[in-house]
PDB file of all heavy atoms in Angstrom:
ATOM      1  N   PHE A   1      67.944  89.780 126.012  1.00  0.00           N
ATOM      2  CA  PHE A   1      69.080  90.696 125.579  1.00  0.00           C
ATOM      3  C   PHE A   1      69.944  90.039 124.497  1.00  0.00           C
ATOM      4  O   PHE A   1      70.476  90.716 123.643  1.00  0.00           O
ATOM      5  CB  PHE A   1      69.832  91.114 126.771  1.00  0.00           C
ATOM      6  CG  PHE A   1      69.029  91.799 127.781  1.00  0.00           C
ATOM      7  CD1 PHE A   1      68.580  91.115 128.952  1.00  0.00           C
ATOM      8  CD2 PHE A   1      68.522  93.138 127.522  1.00  0.00           C
ATOM      9  CE1 PHE A   1      67.766  91.796 129.849  1.00  0.00           C
ATOM     10  CE2 PHE A   1      67.676  93.701 128.517  1.00  0.00           C
ATOM     11  CZ  PHE A   1      67.313  93.023 129.675  1.00  0.00           C
ATOM     12  N   SER A   2      70.092  88.746 124.527  1.00  0.00           N
ATOM     13  CA  SER A   2      71.006  88.083 123.599  1.00  0.00           C
ATOM     14  C   SER A   2      70.492  88.082 122.181  1.00  0.00           C
ATOM     15  O   SER A   2      71.170  88.307 121.192  1.00  0.00           O
ATOM     16  CB  SER A   2      71.276  86.661 124.036  1.00  0.00           C
ATOM     17  OG  SER A   2      71.669  86.652 125.396  1.00  0.00           O
ATOM     18  N   ARG A   3      69.179  87.743 121.986  1.00  0.00           N
ATOM     19  CA  ARG A   3      68.714  87.571 120.653  1.00  0.00           C
ATOM     20  C   ARG A   3      67.296  88.165 120.452  1.00  0.00           C
ATOM     21  O   ARG A   3      66.552  87.831 119.565  1.00  0.00           O
ATOM     22  CB  ARG A   3      68.606  86.034 120.379  1.00  0.00           C
ATOM     23  CG  ARG A   3      67.734  85.255 121.362  1.00  0.00           C
ATOM     24  CD  ARG A   3      67.841  83.775 121.208  1.00  0.00           C
ATOM     25  NE  ARG A   3      66.962  83.255 122.258  1.00  0.00           N
ATOM     26  CZ  ARG A   3      67.377  83.038 123.465  1.00  0.00           C
ATOM     27  NH1 ARG A   3      68.599  83.334 123.848  1.00  0.00           N
ATOM     28  NH2 ARG A   3      66.560  82.629 124.408  1.00  0.00           N
ATOM     29  N   GLY A   4      66.957  89.035 121.421  1.00  0.00           N
ATOM     30  CA  GLY A   4      65.669  89.681 121.361  1.00  0.00           C
ATOM     31  C   GLY A   4      65.478  90.619 120.268  1.00  0.00           C
ATOM     32  O   GLY A   4      66.466  91.113 119.700  1.00  0.00           O
ATOM     33  N   VAL A   5      64.272  90.949 119.967  1.00  0.00           N
ATOM     34  CA  VAL A   5      63.969  91.878 118.853  1.00  0.00           C
ATOM     35  C   VAL A   5      63.543  93.301 119.298  1.00  0.00           C
ATOM     36  O   VAL A   5      63.059  94.080 118.507  1.00  0.00           O
ATOM     37  CB  VAL A   5      62.863  91.285 117.953  1.00  0.00           C
ATOM     38  CG1 VAL A   5      63.325  89.996 117.306  1.00  0.00           C
ATOM     39  CG2 VAL A   5      61.610  91.000 118.783  1.00  0.00           C
ATOM     40  N   CYS A   6      63.642  93.512 120.649  1.00  0.00           N
ATOM     41  CA  CYS A   6      63.091  94.711 121.153  1.00  0.00           C
ATOM     42  C   CYS A   6      64.104  95.858 121.238  1.00  0.00           C
ATOM     43  O   CYS A   6      65.296  95.623 121.207  1.00  0.00           O
ATOM     44  CB  CYS A   6      62.533  94.444 122.603  1.00  0.00           C
ATOM     45  SG  CYS A   6      61.175  93.282 122.598  1.00  0.00           S
ATOM     46  N   ASP A   7      63.672  97.029 121.493  1.00  0.00           N
ATOM     47  CA  ASP A   7      64.474  98.210 121.499  1.00  0.00           C
ATOM     48  C   ASP A   7      64.753  98.595 122.930  1.00  0.00           C
ATOM     49  O   ASP A   7      63.885  99.117 123.582  1.00  0.00           O
ATOM     50  CB  ASP A   7      63.705  99.323 120.673  1.00  0.00           C
ATOM     51  CG  ASP A   7      64.623 100.500 120.406  1.00  0.00           C
ATOM     52  OD1 ASP A   7      65.849 100.434 120.689  1.00  0.00           O
ATOM     53  OD2 ASP A   7      64.158 101.447 119.832  1.00  0.00           O
ATOM     54  N   TRP A   8      65.975  98.439 123.399  1.00  0.00           N
ATOM     55  CA  TRP A   8      66.379  98.816 124.782  1.00  0.00           C
ATOM     56  C   TRP A   8      67.229  99.991 124.762  1.00  0.00           C
ATOM     57  O   TRP A   8      68.157 100.083 123.888  1.00  0.00           O
ATOM     58  CB  TRP A   8      67.176  97.660 125.393  1.00  0.00           C
ATOM     59  CG  TRP A   8      66.307  96.361 125.716  1.00  0.00           C
ATOM     60  CD1 TRP A   8      66.168  95.250 124.917  1.00  0.00           C
ATOM     61  CD2 TRP A   8      65.616  96.142 126.906  1.00  0.00           C
ATOM     62  NE1 TRP A   8      65.390  94.364 125.577  1.00  0.00           N
ATOM     63  CE2 TRP A   8      65.037  94.867 126.738  1.00  0.00           C
ATOM     64  CE3 TRP A   8      65.381  96.911 128.040  1.00  0.00           C
ATOM     65  CZ2 TRP A   8      64.219  94.283 127.764  1.00  0.00           C
ATOM     66  CZ3 TRP A   8      64.611  96.313 129.065  1.00  0.00           C
ATOM     67  CH2 TRP A   8      64.006  95.051 128.864  1.00  0.00           C
ATOM     68  N   LYS A   9      67.013 100.890 125.690  1.00  0.00           N
ATOM     69  CA  LYS A   9      67.806 102.102 125.799  1.00  0.00           C
ATOM     70  C   LYS A   9      68.237 102.362 127.213  1.00  0.00           C
ATOM     71  O   LYS A   9      67.428 102.180 128.159  1.00  0.00           O
ATOM     72  CB  LYS A   9      66.949 103.332 125.324  1.00  0.00           C
ATOM     73  CG  LYS A   9      66.510 103.342 123.913  1.00  0.00           C
ATOM     74  CD  LYS A   9      67.544 104.034 123.084  1.00  0.00           C
ATOM     75  CE  LYS A   9      67.085 104.211 121.652  1.00  0.00           C
ATOM     76  NZ  LYS A   9      67.214 102.931 120.809  1.00  0.00           N
ATOM     77  N   GLN A  10      69.522 102.775 127.365  1.00  0.00           N
ATOM     78  CA  GLN A  10      69.993 103.219 128.681  1.00  0.00           C
ATOM     79  C   GLN A  10      69.481 104.631 128.910  1.00  0.00           C
ATOM     80  O   GLN A  10      69.396 105.454 128.017  1.00  0.00           O
ATOM     81  CB  GLN A  10      71.576 103.289 128.748  1.00  0.00           C
ATOM     82  CG  GLN A  10      72.210 102.007 128.506  1.00  0.00           C
ATOM     83  CD  GLN A  10      72.276 101.121 129.690  1.00  0.00           C
ATOM     84  OE1 GLN A  10      71.916 101.459 130.751  1.00  0.00           O
ATOM     85  NE2 GLN A  10      72.975  99.976 129.528  1.00  0.00           N
ATOM     86  N   ASP A  11      69.005 104.929 130.165  1.00  0.00           N
ATOM     87  CA  ASP A  11      68.514 106.277 130.457  1.00  0.00           C
ATOM     88  C   ASP A  11      69.806 107.195 130.616  1.00  0.00           C
ATOM     89  O   ASP A  11      70.688 106.843 131.314  1.00  0.00           O
ATOM     90  CB  ASP A  11      67.790 106.213 131.774  1.00  0.00           C
ATOM     91  CG  ASP A  11      67.081 107.530 132.139  1.00  0.00           C
ATOM     92  OD1 ASP A  11      67.586 108.635 131.702  1.00  0.00           O
ATOM     93  OD2 ASP A  11      66.126 107.524 132.860  1.00  0.00           O
ATOM     94  N   ALA A  12      69.732 108.305 129.951  1.00  0.00           N
ATOM     95  CA  ALA A  12      70.852 109.250 129.974  1.00  0.00           C
ATOM     96  C   ALA A  12      70.907 110.113 131.237  1.00  0.00           C
ATOM     97  O   ALA A  12      71.911 110.635 131.621  1.00  0.00           O
ATOM     98  CB  ALA A  12      70.866 110.121 128.717  1.00  0.00           C
ATOM     99  N   ASP A  13      69.807 110.188 131.971  1.00  0.00           N
ATOM    100  CA  ASP A  13      69.688 111.089 133.075  1.00  0.00           C
ATOM    101  C   ASP A  13      69.808 110.306 134.437  1.00  0.00           C
ATOM    102  O   ASP A  13      69.582 110.947 135.481  1.00  0.00           O
ATOM    103  CB  ASP A  13      68.276 111.772 133.097  1.00  0.00           C
ATOM    104  CG  ASP A  13      68.120 112.681 131.839  1.00  0.00           C
ATOM    105  OD1 ASP A  13      69.131 113.196 131.418  1.00  0.00           O
ATOM    106  OD2 ASP A  13      66.940 112.708 131.404  1.00  0.00           O
ATOM    107  N   ASP A  14      70.276 109.108 134.425  1.00  0.00           N
ATOM    108  CA  ASP A  14      70.469 108.343 135.703  1.00  0.00           C
ATOM    109  C   ASP A  14      71.940 108.407 136.148  1.00  0.00           C
ATOM    110  O   ASP A  14      72.729 109.146 135.581  1.00  0.00           O
ATOM    111  CB  ASP A  14      69.966 106.970 135.483  1.00  0.00           C
ATOM    112  CG  ASP A  14      70.643 106.202 134.418  1.00  0.00           C
ATOM    113  OD1 ASP A  14      71.617 106.764 133.808  1.00  0.00           O
ATOM    114  OD2 ASP A  14      70.234 105.034 134.162  1.00  0.00           O
ATOM    115  N   ASP A  15      72.245 107.660 137.128  1.00  0.00           N
ATOM    116  CA  ASP A  15      73.569 107.659 137.761  1.00  0.00           C
ATOM    117  C   ASP A  15      74.565 106.667 137.191  1.00  0.00           C
ATOM    118  O   ASP A  15      75.811 106.884 137.219  1.00  0.00           O
ATOM    119  CB  ASP A  15      73.496 107.518 139.249  1.00  0.00           C
ATOM    120  CG  ASP A  15      72.582 108.476 139.862  1.00  0.00           C
ATOM    121  OD1 ASP A  15      72.777 109.717 139.655  1.00  0.00           O
ATOM    122  OD2 ASP A  15      71.569 108.150 140.553  1.00  0.00           O
ATOM    123  N   PHE A  16      74.073 105.548 136.653  1.00  0.00           N
ATOM    124  CA  PHE A  16      74.943 104.507 136.125  1.00  0.00           C
ATOM    125  C   PHE A  16      74.159 103.680 135.048  1.00  0.00           C
ATOM    126  O   PHE A  16      72.915 103.701 135.041  1.00  0.00           O
ATOM    127  CB  PHE A  16      75.560 103.645 137.125  1.00  0.00           C
ATOM    128  CG  PHE A  16      74.566 103.025 138.100  1.00  0.00           C
ATOM    129  CD1 PHE A  16      73.757 101.862 137.719  1.00  0.00           C
ATOM    130  CD2 PHE A  16      74.358 103.570 139.357  1.00  0.00           C
ATOM    131  CE1 PHE A  16      72.833 101.364 138.542  1.00  0.00           C
ATOM    132  CE2 PHE A  16      73.474 102.941 140.254  1.00  0.00           C
ATOM    133  CZ  PHE A  16      72.669 101.899 139.838  1.00  0.00           C
ATOM    134  N   ASP A  17      74.887 102.961 134.223  1.00  0.00           N
ATOM    135  CA  ASP A  17      74.278 102.123 133.247  1.00  0.00           C
ATOM    136  C   ASP A  17      74.196 100.653 133.725  1.00  0.00           C
ATOM    137  O   ASP A  17      74.983 100.206 134.531  1.00  0.00           O
ATOM    138  CB  ASP A  17      75.162 102.140 131.871  1.00  0.00           C
ATOM    139  CG  ASP A  17      74.947 103.342 131.096  1.00  0.00           C
ATOM    140  OD1 ASP A  17      73.974 104.100 131.349  1.00  0.00           O
ATOM    141  OD2 ASP A  17      75.722 103.516 130.147  1.00  0.00           O
ATOM    142  N   TRP A  18      73.262  99.925 133.108  1.00  0.00           N
ATOM    143  CA  TRP A  18      73.213  98.487 133.294  1.00  0.00           C
ATOM    144  C   TRP A  18      74.168  97.960 132.225  1.00  0.00           C
ATOM    145  O   TRP A  18      74.426  98.508 131.182  1.00  0.00           O
ATOM    146  CB  TRP A  18      71.831  98.007 132.856  1.00  0.00           C
ATOM    147  CG  TRP A  18      70.782  98.282 133.884  1.00  0.00           C
ATOM    148  CD1 TRP A  18      70.197  99.480 134.183  1.00  0.00           C
ATOM    149  CD2 TRP A  18      70.030  97.339 134.649  1.00  0.00           C
ATOM    150  NE1 TRP A  18      69.202  99.338 135.117  1.00  0.00           N
ATOM    151  CE2 TRP A  18      69.066  98.039 135.434  1.00  0.00           C
ATOM    152  CE3 TRP A  18      70.074  95.927 134.749  1.00  0.00           C
ATOM    153  CZ2 TRP A  18      68.278  97.392 136.308  1.00  0.00           C
ATOM    154  CZ3 TRP A  18      69.265  95.301 135.651  1.00  0.00           C
ATOM    155  CH2 TRP A  18      68.320  96.017 136.413  1.00  0.00           C
ATOM    156  N   ASN A  19      74.867  96.822 132.583  1.00  0.00           N
ATOM    157  CA  ASN A  19      75.842  96.255 131.668  1.00  0.00           C
ATOM    158  C   ASN A  19      75.541  94.725 131.390  1.00  0.00           C
ATOM    159  O   ASN A  19      75.016  94.026 132.318  1.00  0.00           O
ATOM    160  CB  ASN A  19      77.261  96.375 132.261  1.00  0.00           C
ATOM    161  CG  ASN A  19      77.683  97.802 132.255  1.00  0.00           C
ATOM    162  OD1 ASN A  19      77.814  98.385 131.148  1.00  0.00           O
ATOM    163  ND2 ASN A  19      77.865  98.407 133.400  1.00  0.00           N
ATOM    164  N   PRO A  20      75.991  94.297 130.251  1.00  0.00           N
ATOM    165  CA  PRO A  20      75.712  92.860 129.924  1.00  0.00           C
ATOM    166  C   PRO A  20      76.639  92.012 130.864  1.00  0.00           C
ATOM    167  O   PRO A  20      77.759  92.400 131.109  1.00  0.00           O
ATOM    168  CB  PRO A  20      76.202  92.738 128.474  1.00  0.00           C
ATOM    169  CG  PRO A  20      76.260  94.081 127.926  1.00  0.00           C
ATOM    170  CD  PRO A  20      76.490  95.012 129.120  1.00  0.00           C
ATOM    171  N   ALA A  21      76.100  90.895 131.309  1.00  0.00           N
ATOM    172  CA  ALA A  21      76.843  89.906 132.117  1.00  0.00           C
ATOM    173  C   ALA A  21      76.700  88.520 131.535  1.00  0.00           C
ATOM    174  O   ALA A  21      75.532  88.247 131.114  1.00  0.00           O
ATOM    175  CB  ALA A  21      76.413  89.958 133.562  1.00  0.00           C
ATOM    176  N   ASP A  22      77.714  87.759 131.495  1.00  0.00           N
ATOM    177  CA  ASP A  22      77.534  86.445 130.818  1.00  0.00           C
ATOM    178  C   ASP A  22      76.733  85.495 131.742  1.00  0.00           C
ATOM    179  O   ASP A  22      76.943  85.440 132.950  1.00  0.00           O
ATOM    180  CB  ASP A  22      78.946  85.819 130.554  1.00  0.00           C
ATOM    181  CG  ASP A  22      79.686  86.505 129.536  1.00  0.00           C
ATOM    182  OD1 ASP A  22      79.067  86.883 128.501  1.00  0.00           O
ATOM    183  OD2 ASP A  22      80.911  86.739 129.666  1.00  0.00           O
ATOM    184  N   ARG A  23      75.842  84.689 131.088  1.00  0.00           N
ATOM    185  CA  ARG A  23      75.044  83.693 131.793  1.00  0.00           C
ATOM    186  C   ARG A  23      76.013  82.550 132.238  1.00  0.00           C
ATOM    187  O   ARG A  23      76.939  82.246 131.531  1.00  0.00           O
ATOM    188  CB  ARG A  23      74.036  83.131 130.948  1.00  0.00           C
ATOM    189  CG  ARG A  23      72.861  84.130 130.674  1.00  0.00           C
ATOM    190  CD  ARG A  23      71.740  83.324 130.058  1.00  0.00           C
ATOM    191  NE  ARG A  23      70.704  84.229 129.577  1.00  0.00           N
ATOM    192  CZ  ARG A  23      70.153  84.130 128.342  1.00  0.00           C
ATOM    193  NH1 ARG A  23      70.380  83.167 127.548  1.00  0.00           N
ATOM    194  NH2 ARG A  23      69.269  85.041 127.969  1.00  0.00           N
ATOM    195  N   ASP A  24      75.644  81.951 133.357  1.00  0.00           N
ATOM    196  CA  ASP A  24      76.431  80.859 133.870  1.00  0.00           C
ATOM    197  C   ASP A  24      76.566  79.698 132.836  1.00  0.00           C
ATOM    198  O   ASP A  24      77.605  79.025 132.757  1.00  0.00           O
ATOM    199  CB  ASP A  24      75.872  80.268 135.201  1.00  0.00           C
ATOM    200  CG  ASP A  24      75.820  81.306 136.282  1.00  0.00           C
ATOM    201  OD1 ASP A  24      76.611  82.322 136.224  1.00  0.00           O
ATOM    202  OD2 ASP A  24      75.012  81.177 137.206  1.00  0.00           O
ATOM    203  N   ARG A  25      75.430  79.529 132.194  1.00  0.00           N
ATOM    204  CA  ARG A  25      75.369  78.363 131.160  1.00  0.00           C
ATOM    205  C   ARG A  25      76.211  78.710 129.933  1.00  0.00           C
ATOM    206  O   ARG A  25      76.345  77.892 129.037  1.00  0.00           O
ATOM    207  CB  ARG A  25      73.925  78.072 130.771  1.00  0.00           C
ATOM    208  CG  ARG A  25      73.081  77.727 131.946  1.00  0.00           C
ATOM    209  CD  ARG A  25      71.681  77.330 131.513  1.00  0.00           C
ATOM    210  NE  ARG A  25      70.984  78.391 130.829  1.00  0.00           N
ATOM    211  CZ  ARG A  25      70.360  79.446 131.422  1.00  0.00           C
ATOM    212  NH1 ARG A  25      70.365  79.497 132.696  1.00  0.00           N
ATOM    213  NH2 ARG A  25      69.692  80.299 130.617  1.00  0.00           N
ATOM    214  N   GLY A  26      76.608  80.040 129.741  1.00  0.00           N
ATOM    215  CA  GLY A  26      77.438  80.350 128.593  1.00  0.00           C
ATOM    216  C   GLY A  26      76.618  80.657 127.325  1.00  0.00           C
ATOM    217  O   GLY A  26      77.161  80.859 126.242  1.00  0.00           O
ATOM    218  N   ASP A  27      75.257  80.676 127.419  1.00  0.00           N
ATOM    219  CA  ASP A  27      74.439  80.902 126.259  1.00  0.00           C
ATOM    220  C   ASP A  27      73.850  82.247 126.256  1.00  0.00           C
ATOM    221  O   ASP A  27      72.708  82.569 126.661  1.00  0.00           O
ATOM    222  CB  ASP A  27      73.254  79.804 126.109  1.00  0.00           C
ATOM    223  CG  ASP A  27      72.409  79.860 127.368  1.00  0.00           C
ATOM    224  OD1 ASP A  27      72.810  80.488 128.410  1.00  0.00           O
ATOM    225  OD2 ASP A  27      71.293  79.273 127.325  1.00  0.00           O
ATOM    226  N   GLY A  28      74.741  83.232 125.888  1.00  0.00           N
ATOM    227  CA  GLY A  28      74.190  84.614 125.832  1.00  0.00           C
ATOM    228  C   GLY A  28      74.484  85.330 127.173  1.00  0.00           C
ATOM    229  O   GLY A  28      75.278  84.962 127.955  1.00  0.00           O
ATOM    230  N   TYR A  29      73.742  86.409 127.354  1.00  0.00           N
ATOM    231  CA  TYR A  29      73.987  87.318 128.560  1.00  0.00           C
ATOM    232  C   TYR A  29      72.656  87.873 129.043  1.00  0.00           C
ATOM    233  O   TYR A  29      71.650  87.778 128.408  1.00  0.00           O
ATOM    234  CB  TYR A  29      74.941  88.365 128.178  1.00  0.00           C
ATOM    235  CG  TYR A  29      74.476  89.342 127.124  1.00  0.00           C
ATOM    236  CD1 TYR A  29      73.803  90.505 127.494  1.00  0.00           C
ATOM    237  CD2 TYR A  29      74.646  89.109 125.765  1.00  0.00           C
ATOM    238  CE1 TYR A  29      73.370  91.397 126.446  1.00  0.00           C
ATOM    239  CE2 TYR A  29      74.283  89.973 124.789  1.00  0.00           C
ATOM    240  CZ  TYR A  29      73.638  91.166 125.166  1.00  0.00           C
ATOM    241  OH  TYR A  29      73.126  92.030 124.215  1.00  0.00           O
ATOM    242  N   TYR A  30      72.780  88.435 130.283  1.00  0.00           N
ATOM    243  CA  TYR A  30      71.627  89.094 130.866  1.00  0.00           C
ATOM    244  C   TYR A  30      72.136  90.550 131.190  1.00  0.00           C
ATOM    245  O   TYR A  30      73.383  90.858 131.019  1.00  0.00           O
ATOM    246  CB  TYR A  30      71.144  88.393 132.098  1.00  0.00           C
ATOM    247  CG  TYR A  30      72.194  88.207 133.215  1.00  0.00           C
ATOM    248  CD1 TYR A  30      72.212  89.097 134.275  1.00  0.00           C
ATOM    249  CD2 TYR A  30      73.071  87.126 133.176  1.00  0.00           C
ATOM    250  CE1 TYR A  30      73.196  88.965 135.286  1.00  0.00           C
ATOM    251  CE2 TYR A  30      73.996  86.993 134.224  1.00  0.00           C
ATOM    252  CZ  TYR A  30      74.040  87.866 135.234  1.00  0.00           C
ATOM    253  OH  TYR A  30      74.951  87.715 136.267  1.00  0.00           O
ATOM    254  N   MET A  31      71.283  91.430 131.688  1.00  0.00           N
ATOM    255  CA  MET A  31      71.776  92.757 132.003  1.00  0.00           C
ATOM    256  C   MET A  31      71.794  92.830 133.555  1.00  0.00           C
ATOM    257  O   MET A  31      70.971  92.366 134.291  1.00  0.00           O
ATOM    258  CB  MET A  31      70.724  93.835 131.524  1.00  0.00           C
ATOM    259  CG  MET A  31      70.704  93.881 130.017  1.00  0.00           C
ATOM    260  SD  MET A  31      72.263  94.300 129.269  1.00  0.00           S
ATOM    261  CE  MET A  31      72.306  96.024 129.410  1.00  0.00           C
ATOM    262  N   ALA A  32      72.931  93.488 134.042  1.00  0.00           N
ATOM    263  CA  ALA A  32      73.129  93.473 135.446  1.00  0.00           C
ATOM    264  C   ALA A  32      73.657  94.791 135.938  1.00  0.00           C
ATOM    265  O   ALA A  32      74.299  95.560 135.144  1.00  0.00           O
ATOM    266  CB  ALA A  32      74.100  92.398 135.790  1.00  0.00           C
TER     267      ALA A  32
END
């Protein structure tokens, strides 16, 4: 998610979104 080249989309028909969360090491983020 931090530096990837892929196309990510949130589903509009679901109940909630995934959100970025900071990695413990502080180098970018993951989705949570």
